[in-house]
PDB file of N, CA and C in Angstrom:
ATOM      1  N   MET A   1       0.842  -1.170   0.000  1.00  0.00           N
ATOM      2  CA  MET A   1       0.000   0.000   0.000  1.00  0.00           C
ATOM      3  C   MET A   1       0.890   1.236   0.000  1.00  0.00           C
ATOM      4  N   ASN A   2       0.606   2.148  -0.901  1.00  0.00           N
ATOM      5  CA  ASN A   2       1.391   3.375  -0.955  1.00  0.00           C
ATOM      6  C   ASN A   2       0.842   4.410   0.026  1.00  0.00           C
ATOM      7  N   GLY A   3       1.535   5.513   0.195  1.00  0.00           N
ATOM      8  CA  GLY A   3       1.156   6.540   1.157  1.00  0.00           C
ATOM      9  C   GLY A   3      -0.194   7.164   0.866  1.00  0.00           C
ATOM     10  N   ARG A   4      -0.482   7.343  -0.404  1.00  0.00           N
ATOM     11  CA  ARG A   4      -1.760   7.944  -0.789  1.00  0.00           C
ATOM     12  C   ARG A   4      -2.929   7.033  -0.422  1.00  0.00           C
ATOM     13  N   GLU A   5      -2.767   5.755  -0.678  1.00  0.00           N
ATOM     14  CA  GLU A   5      -3.821   4.789  -0.342  1.00  0.00           C
ATOM     15  C   GLU A   5      -3.997   4.692   1.183  1.00  0.00           C
ATOM     16  N   ALA A   6      -2.898   4.692   1.905  1.00  0.00           N
ATOM     17  CA  ALA A   6      -2.960   4.636   3.373  1.00  0.00           C
ATOM     18  C   ALA A   6      -3.691   5.858   3.918  1.00  0.00           C
ATOM     19  N   GLU A   7      -3.431   7.023   3.355  1.00  0.00           N
ATOM     20  CA  GLU A   7      -4.094   8.250   3.799  1.00  0.00           C
ATOM     21  C   GLU A   7      -5.588   8.201   3.504  1.00  0.00           C
ATOM     22  N   ARG A   8      -5.959   7.616   2.375  1.00  0.00           N
ATOM     23  CA  ARG A   8      -7.370   7.494   2.009  1.00  0.00           C
ATOM     24  C   ARG A   8      -8.094   6.535   2.951  1.00  0.00           C
ATOM     25  N   ARG A   9      -7.408   5.502   3.424  1.00  0.00           N
ATOM     26  CA  ARG A   9      -8.034   4.514   4.305  1.00  0.00           C
ATOM     27  C   ARG A   9      -8.092   4.976   5.757  1.00  0.00           C
ATOM     28  N   ARG A  10      -7.300   5.937   6.127  1.00  0.00           N
ATOM     29  CA  ARG A  10      -7.244   6.383   7.524  1.00  0.00           C
ATOM     30  C   ARG A  10      -8.600   6.805   8.079  1.00  0.00           C
ATOM     31  N   PRO A  11      -9.388   7.623   7.358  1.00  0.00           N
ATOM     32  CA  PRO A  11     -10.690   8.002   7.920  1.00  0.00           C
ATOM     33  C   PRO A  11     -11.578   6.797   8.221  1.00  0.00           C
ATOM     34  N   ARG A  12     -11.546   5.778   7.362  1.00  0.00           N
ATOM     35  CA  ARG A  12     -12.364   4.597   7.630  1.00  0.00           C
ATOM     36  C   ARG A  12     -11.848   3.861   8.860  1.00  0.00           C
ATOM     37  N   LYS A  13     -10.542   3.745   8.995  1.00  0.00           N
ATOM     38  CA  LYS A  13      -9.967   3.082  10.172  1.00  0.00           C
ATOM     39  C   LYS A  13     -10.372   3.828  11.438  1.00  0.00           C
ATOM     40  N   ASP A  14     -10.247   5.159  11.414  1.00  0.00           N
ATOM     41  CA  ASP A  14     -10.635   5.972  12.567  1.00  0.00           C
ATOM     42  C   ASP A  14     -12.121   5.808  12.867  1.00  0.00           C
ATOM     43  N   ARG A  15     -12.932   5.805  11.822  1.00  0.00           N
ATOM     44  CA  ARG A  15     -14.378   5.640  11.990  1.00  0.00           C
ATOM     45  C   ARG A  15     -14.703   4.271  12.579  1.00  0.00           C
ATOM     46  N   ASP A  16     -14.012   3.234  12.111  1.00  0.00           N
ATOM     47  CA  ASP A  16     -14.240   1.887  12.626  1.00  0.00           C
ATOM     48  C   ASP A  16     -13.855   1.786  14.104  1.00  0.00           C
ATOM     49  N   ILE A  17     -12.772   2.415  14.488  1.00  0.00           N
ATOM     50  CA  ILE A  17     -12.344   2.396  15.892  1.00  0.00           C
ATOM     51  C   ILE A  17     -13.389   3.107  16.755  1.00  0.00           C
ATOM     52  N   LEU A  18     -13.839   4.268  16.305  1.00  0.00           N
ATOM     53  CA  LEU A  18     -14.861   5.005  17.038  1.00  0.00           C
ATOM     54  C   LEU A  18     -16.152   4.192  17.130  1.00  0.00           C
ATOM     55  N   LEU A  19     -16.591   3.635  16.017  1.00  0.00           N
ATOM     56  CA  LEU A  19     -17.840   2.874  15.986  1.00  0.00           C
ATOM     57  C   LEU A  19     -17.761   1.636  16.871  1.00  0.00           C
ATOM     58  N   SER A  20     -16.629   0.950  16.863  1.00  0.00           N
ATOM     59  CA  SER A  20     -16.496  -0.238  17.715  1.00  0.00           C
ATOM     60  C   SER A  20     -16.476   0.151  19.195  1.00  0.00           C
ATOM     61  N   SER A  21     -15.863   1.272  19.512  1.00  0.00           N
ATOM     62  CA  SER A  21     -15.851   1.756  20.892  1.00  0.00           C
ATOM     63  C   SER A  21     -17.254   2.120  21.349  1.00  0.00           C
ATOM     64  N   TRP A  22     -17.980   2.833  20.506  1.00  0.00           N
ATOM     65  CA  TRP A  22     -19.361   3.207  20.821  1.00  0.00           C
ATOM     66  C   TRP A  22     -20.231   1.975  20.999  1.00  0.00           C
ATOM     67  N   LEU A  23     -20.132   1.019  20.067  1.00  0.00           N
ATOM     68  CA  LEU A  23     -20.959  -0.188  20.139  1.00  0.00           C
ATOM     69  C   LEU A  23     -20.666  -0.967  21.407  1.00  0.00           C
ATOM     70  N   THR A  24     -19.412  -1.081  21.772  1.00  0.00           N
ATOM     71  CA  THR A  24     -19.046  -1.767  23.015  1.00  0.00           C
ATOM     72  C   THR A  24     -19.666  -1.043  24.210  1.00  0.00           C
ATOM     73  N   ALA A  25     -19.638   0.285  24.199  1.00  0.00           N
ATOM     74  CA  ALA A  25     -20.196   1.064  25.318  1.00  0.00           C
ATOM     75  C   ALA A  25     -21.701   0.898  25.435  1.00  0.00           C
ATOM     76  N   VAL A  26     -22.411   0.970  24.321  1.00  0.00           N
ATOM     77  CA  VAL A  26     -23.880   0.928  24.400  1.00  0.00           C
ATOM     78  C   VAL A  26     -24.441  -0.480  24.521  1.00  0.00           C
ATOM     79  N   SER A  27     -23.701  -1.472  24.047  1.00  0.00           N
ATOM     80  CA  SER A  27     -24.231  -2.845  24.088  1.00  0.00           C
ATOM     81  C   SER A  27     -23.690  -3.647  25.262  1.00  0.00           C
ATOM     82  N   ALA A  28     -22.626  -3.168  25.898  1.00  0.00           N
ATOM     83  CA  ALA A  28     -21.961  -3.872  27.010  1.00  0.00           C
ATOM     84  C   ALA A  28     -21.351  -5.197  26.557  1.00  0.00           C
ATOM     85  N   ASP A  29     -21.139  -5.353  25.258  1.00  0.00           N
ATOM     86  CA  ASP A  29     -20.448  -6.513  24.686  1.00  0.00           C
ATOM     87  C   ASP A  29     -19.300  -6.002  23.831  1.00  0.00           C
ATOM     88  N   GLU A  30     -18.169  -6.699  23.902  1.00  0.00           N
ATOM     89  CA  GLU A  30     -17.011  -6.310  23.098  1.00  0.00           C
ATOM     90  C   GLU A  30     -17.346  -6.441  21.613  1.00  0.00           C
ATOM     91  N   ALA A  31     -17.185  -5.358  20.874  1.00  0.00           N
ATOM     92  CA  ALA A  31     -17.458  -5.367  19.439  1.00  0.00           C
ATOM     93  C   ALA A  31     -16.329  -6.082  18.704  1.00  0.00           C
ATOM     94  N   ASN A  32     -16.695  -6.892  17.729  1.00  0.00           N
ATOM     95  CA  ASN A  32     -15.727  -7.582  16.878  1.00  0.00           C
ATOM     96  C   ASN A  32     -15.523  -6.725  15.642  1.00  0.00           C
ATOM     97  N   ILE A  33     -14.377  -6.087  15.536  1.00  0.00           N
ATOM     98  CA  ILE A  33     -14.147  -5.150  14.433  1.00  0.00           C
ATOM     99  C   ILE A  33     -14.197  -5.839  13.068  1.00  0.00           C
ATOM    100  N   GLY A  34     -13.944  -7.141  13.035  1.00  0.00           N
ATOM    101  CA  GLY A  34     -14.041  -7.885  11.781  1.00  0.00           C
ATOM    102  C   GLY A  34     -15.463  -8.037  11.276  1.00  0.00           C
ATOM    103  N   HIS A  35     -16.427  -7.898  12.183  1.00  0.00           N
ATOM    104  CA  HIS A  35     -17.847  -8.008  11.826  1.00  0.00           C
ATOM    105  C   HIS A  35     -18.602  -6.768  12.293  1.00  0.00           C
ATOM    106  N   LEU A  36     -17.897  -5.660  12.331  1.00  0.00           N
ATOM    107  CA  LEU A  36     -18.408  -4.449  12.952  1.00  0.00           C
ATOM    108  C   LEU A  36     -19.739  -3.986  12.366  1.00  0.00           C
ATOM    109  N   TYR A  37     -19.820  -3.867  11.056  1.00  0.00           N
ATOM    110  CA  TYR A  37     -21.022  -3.290  10.465  1.00  0.00           C
ATOM    111  C   TYR A  37     -22.223  -4.219  10.623  1.00  0.00           C
ATOM    112  N   SER A  38     -22.021  -5.524  10.579  1.00  0.00           N
ATOM    113  CA  SER A  38     -23.143  -6.440  10.818  1.00  0.00           C
ATOM    114  C   SER A  38     -23.557  -6.396  12.289  1.00  0.00           C
ATOM    115  N   GLU A  39     -22.596  -6.210  13.203  1.00  0.00           N
ATOM    116  CA  GLU A  39     -22.933  -6.097  14.622  1.00  0.00           C
ATOM    117  C   GLU A  39     -23.691  -4.805  14.909  1.00  0.00           C
ATOM    118  N   VAL A  40     -23.282  -3.710  14.283  1.00  0.00           N
ATOM    119  CA  VAL A  40     -24.002  -2.444  14.459  1.00  0.00           C
ATOM    120  C   VAL A  40     -25.421  -2.587  13.908  1.00  0.00           C
ATOM    121  N   HIS A  41     -25.537  -3.197  12.747  1.00  0.00           N
ATOM    122  CA  HIS A  41     -26.848  -3.409  12.130  1.00  0.00           C
ATOM    123  C   HIS A  41     -27.741  -4.239  13.055  1.00  0.00           C
ATOM    124  N   ARG A  42     -27.202  -5.297  13.614  1.00  0.00           N
ATOM    125  CA  ARG A  42     -27.958  -6.157  14.529  1.00  0.00           C
ATOM    126  C   ARG A  42     -28.374  -5.371  15.785  1.00  0.00           C
ATOM    127  N   TYR A  43     -27.445  -4.584  16.335  1.00  0.00           N
ATOM    128  CA  TYR A  43     -27.775  -3.770  17.512  1.00  0.00           C
ATOM    129  C   TYR A  43     -28.926  -2.827  17.192  1.00  0.00           C
ATOM    130  N   LEU A  44     -28.840  -2.122  16.068  1.00  0.00           N
ATOM    131  CA  LEU A  44     -29.874  -1.165  15.706  1.00  0.00           C
ATOM    132  C   LEU A  44     -31.210  -1.842  15.423  1.00  0.00           C
ATOM    133  N   ASP A  45     -31.181  -3.039  14.852  1.00  0.00           N
ATOM    134  CA  ASP A  45     -32.418  -3.792  14.606  1.00  0.00           C
ATOM    135  C   ASP A  45     -33.103  -4.169  15.913  1.00  0.00           C
ATOM    136  N   ASN A  46     -32.313  -4.473  16.942  1.00  0.00           N
ATOM    137  CA  ASN A  46     -32.862  -4.953  18.208  1.00  0.00           C
ATOM    138  C   ASN A  46     -33.086  -3.850  19.242  1.00  0.00           C
ATOM    139  N   ALA A  47     -32.486  -2.709  19.035  1.00  0.00           N
ATOM    140  CA  ALA A  47     -32.616  -1.602  19.994  1.00  0.00           C
ATOM    141  C   ALA A  47     -33.872  -0.803  19.671  1.00  0.00           C
ATOM    142  N   ASP A  48     -34.497  -0.320  20.684  1.00  0.00           N
ATOM    143  CA  ASP A  48     -35.670   0.525  20.501  1.00  0.00           C
ATOM    144  C   ASP A  48     -35.206   1.973  20.428  1.00  0.00           C
ATOM    145  N   ARG A  49     -34.516   2.310  19.325  1.00  0.00           N
ATOM    146  CA  ARG A  49     -33.911   3.623  19.180  1.00  0.00           C
ATOM    147  C   ARG A  49     -34.224   4.179  17.800  1.00  0.00           C
ATOM    148  N   LYS A  50     -34.340   5.466  17.714  1.00  0.00           N
ATOM    149  CA  LYS A  50     -34.581   6.139  16.439  1.00  0.00           C
ATOM    150  C   LYS A  50     -33.239   6.575  15.844  1.00  0.00           C
ATOM    151  N   THR A  51     -33.139   6.495  14.525  1.00  0.00           N
ATOM    152  CA  THR A  51     -31.894   6.817  13.833  1.00  0.00           C
ATOM    153  C   THR A  51     -31.363   8.213  14.184  1.00  0.00           C
ATOM    154  N   PRO A  52     -32.186   9.266  14.183  1.00  0.00           N
ATOM    155  CA  PRO A  52     -31.649  10.595  14.527  1.00  0.00           C
ATOM    156  C   PRO A  52     -31.044  10.629  15.934  1.00  0.00           C
ATOM    157  N   ASP A  53     -31.646   9.886  16.865  1.00  0.00           N
ATOM    158  CA  ASP A  53     -31.111   9.840  18.229  1.00  0.00           C
ATOM    159  C   ASP A  53     -29.752   9.146  18.266  1.00  0.00           C
ATOM    160  N   VAL A  54     -29.632   8.049  17.530  1.00  0.00           N
ATOM    161  CA  VAL A  54     -28.367   7.313  17.490  1.00  0.00           C
ATOM    162  C   VAL A  54     -27.283   8.162  16.825  1.00  0.00           C
ATOM    163  N   LEU A  55     -27.621   8.842  15.744  1.00  0.00           N
ATOM    164  CA  LEU A  55     -26.643   9.690  15.063  1.00  0.00           C
ATOM    165  C   LEU A  55     -26.193  10.849  15.952  1.00  0.00           C
ATOM    166  N   ALA A  56     -27.118  11.445  16.689  1.00  0.00           N
ATOM    167  CA  ALA A  56     -26.749  12.521  17.617  1.00  0.00           C
ATOM    168  C   ALA A  56     -25.838  11.976  18.712  1.00  0.00           C
ATOM    169  N   GLU A  57     -26.155  10.781  19.200  1.00  0.00           N
ATOM    170  CA  GLU A  57     -25.329  10.161  20.232  1.00  0.00           C
ATOM    171  C   GLU A  57     -23.929   9.860  19.700  1.00  0.00           C
ATOM    172  N   LEU A  58     -23.844   9.354  18.478  1.00  0.00           N
ATOM    173  CA  LEU A  58     -22.542   9.071  17.868  1.00  0.00           C
ATOM    174  C   LEU A  58     -21.723  10.350  17.694  1.00  0.00           C
ATOM    175  N   LYS A  59     -22.385  11.433  17.320  1.00  0.00           N
ATOM    176  CA  LYS A  59     -21.686  12.711  17.160  1.00  0.00           C
ATOM    177  C   LYS A  59     -21.097  13.161  18.501  1.00  0.00           C
ATOM    178  N   GLU A  60     -21.892  13.081  19.568  1.00  0.00           N
ATOM    179  CA  GLU A  60     -21.411  13.461  20.894  1.00  0.00           C
ATOM    180  C   GLU A  60     -20.304  12.521  21.355  1.00  0.00           C
ATOM    181  N   TYR A  61     -20.507  11.230  21.133  1.00  0.00           N
ATOM    182  CA  TYR A  61     -19.504  10.239  21.535  1.00  0.00           C
ATOM    183  C   TYR A  61     -18.191  10.507  20.794  1.00  0.00           C
ATOM    184  N   GLY A  62     -18.280  10.825  19.502  1.00  0.00           N
ATOM    185  CA  GLY A  62     -17.087  11.109  18.714  1.00  0.00           C
ATOM    186  C   GLY A  62     -16.324  12.312  19.245  1.00  0.00           C
ATOM    187  N   ALA A  63     -17.055  13.361  19.612  1.00  0.00           N
ATOM    188  CA  ALA A  63     -16.397  14.553  20.168  1.00  0.00           C
ATOM    189  C   ALA A  63     -15.735  14.223  21.503  1.00  0.00           C
ATOM    190  N   ASP A  64     -16.437  13.478  22.343  1.00  0.00           N
ATOM    191  CA  ASP A  64     -15.866  13.088  23.634  1.00  0.00           C
ATOM    192  C   ASP A  64     -14.658  12.173  23.452  1.00  0.00           C
ATOM    193  N   TYR A  65     -14.771  11.240  22.524  1.00  0.00           N
ATOM    194  CA  TYR A  65     -13.684  10.301  22.243  1.00  0.00           C
ATOM    195  C   TYR A  65     -12.446  11.074  21.783  1.00  0.00           C
ATOM    196  N   ARG A  66     -12.661  12.019  20.876  1.00  0.00           N
ATOM    197  CA  ARG A  66     -11.555  12.831  20.364  1.00  0.00           C
ATOM    198  C   ARG A  66     -10.901  13.615  21.501  1.00  0.00           C
ATOM    199  N   ASN A  67     -11.710  14.198  22.388  1.00  0.00           N
ATOM    200  CA  ASN A  67     -11.159  14.952  23.514  1.00  0.00           C
ATOM    201  C   ASN A  67     -10.324  14.072  24.432  1.00  0.00           C
ATOM    202  N   VAL A  68     -10.807  12.899  24.741  1.00  0.00           N
ATOM    203  CA  VAL A  68     -10.094  11.995  25.642  1.00  0.00           C
ATOM    204  C   VAL A  68      -8.800  11.501  25.017  1.00  0.00           C
ATOM    205  N   TYR A  69      -8.872  11.021  23.788  1.00  0.00           N
ATOM    206  CA  TYR A  69      -7.716  10.372  23.189  1.00  0.00           C
ATOM    207  C   TYR A  69      -6.756  11.314  22.481  1.00  0.00           C
ATOM    208  N   SER A  70      -7.132  12.578  22.321  1.00  0.00           N
ATOM    209  CA  SER A  70      -6.192  13.532  21.733  1.00  0.00           C
ATOM    210  C   SER A  70      -5.467  14.316  22.822  1.00  0.00           C
ATOM    211  N   GLY A  71      -5.908  14.171  24.064  1.00  0.00           N
ATOM    212  CA  GLY A  71      -5.295  14.906  25.152  1.00  0.00           C
ATOM    213  C   GLY A  71      -5.919  16.262  25.393  1.00  0.00           C
ATOM    214  N   ILE A  72      -6.823  16.680  24.522  1.00  0.00           N
ATOM    215  CA  ILE A  72      -7.458  17.990  24.653  1.00  0.00           C
ATOM    216  C   ILE A  72      -8.301  18.058  25.919  1.00  0.00           C
ATOM    217  N   GLY A  73      -9.059  16.990  26.175  1.00  0.00           N
ATOM    218  CA  GLY A  73      -9.995  17.011  27.294  1.00  0.00           C
ATOM    219  C   GLY A  73      -9.371  16.651  28.621  1.00  0.00           C
ATOM    220  N   HIS A  74      -8.138  16.212  28.619  1.00  0.00           N
ATOM    221  CA  HIS A  74      -7.449  15.856  29.852  1.00  0.00           C
ATOM    222  C   HIS A  74      -8.282  14.933  30.735  1.00  0.00           C
ATOM    223  N   GLY A  75      -8.847  13.898  30.100  1.00  0.00           N
ATOM    224  CA  GLY A  75      -9.571  12.891  30.865  1.00  0.00           C
ATOM    225  C   GLY A  75     -11.059  13.125  31.009  1.00  0.00           C
ATOM    226  N   THR A  76     -11.627  14.069  30.275  1.00  0.00           N
ATOM    227  CA  THR A  76     -13.069  14.261  30.357  1.00  0.00           C
ATOM    228  C   THR A  76     -13.770  13.129  29.645  1.00  0.00           C
ATOM    229  N   THR A  77     -14.957  12.809  30.097  1.00  0.00           N
ATOM    230  CA  THR A  77     -15.749  11.761  29.450  1.00  0.00           C
ATOM    231  C   THR A  77     -17.142  12.286  29.162  1.00  0.00           C
ATOM    232  N   GLY A  78     -17.815  11.647  28.233  1.00  0.00           N
ATOM    233  CA  GLY A  78     -19.160  12.061  27.864  1.00  0.00           C
ATOM    234  C   GLY A  78     -20.174  11.771  28.955  1.00  0.00           C
ATOM    235  N   ARG A  79     -21.122  12.658  29.082  1.00  0.00           N
ATOM    236  CA  ARG A  79     -22.151  12.488  30.104  1.00  0.00           C
ATOM    237  C   ARG A  79     -22.973  11.233  29.864  1.00  0.00           C
ATOM    238  N   ARG A  80     -23.293  10.952  28.633  1.00  0.00           N
ATOM    239  CA  ARG A  80     -24.206   9.862  28.297  1.00  0.00           C
ATOM    240  C   ARG A  80     -23.592   8.488  28.526  1.00  0.00           C
ATOM    241  N   PHE A  81     -22.294   8.368  28.543  1.00  0.00           N
ATOM    242  CA  PHE A  81     -21.653   7.054  28.532  1.00  0.00           C
ATOM    243  C   PHE A  81     -21.074   6.648  29.882  1.00  0.00           C
ATOM    244  N   ARG A  82     -21.524   7.262  30.943  1.00  0.00           N
ATOM    245  CA  ARG A  82     -21.065   6.893  32.265  1.00  0.00           C
ATOM    246  C   ARG A  82     -22.013   5.923  32.944  1.00  0.00           C
ATOM    247  N   GLN A  83     -22.949   5.374  32.218  1.00  0.00           N
ATOM    248  CA  GLN A  83     -23.973   4.493  32.784  1.00  0.00           C
ATOM    249  C   GLN A  83     -23.400   3.209  33.323  1.00  0.00           C
TER     250      GLN A  83
END
């Protein structure tokens, strides 16, 4: 893989890491990144949640995740995920 291809794949890798972290948090089961999208689909099929609510939650989770793991938030965590 050349540098250009690696750079193009980075956003998907970052998105997959975020999505697997979120899924593990909301489902209380370790997400399998190899089957991530089917696991997310299964969670959403079985959860009594509306898509706009899940997307808003993912947006907040992403901001909190970025703050924690980039060092910006100095250990802050999202309000919704302390359950």
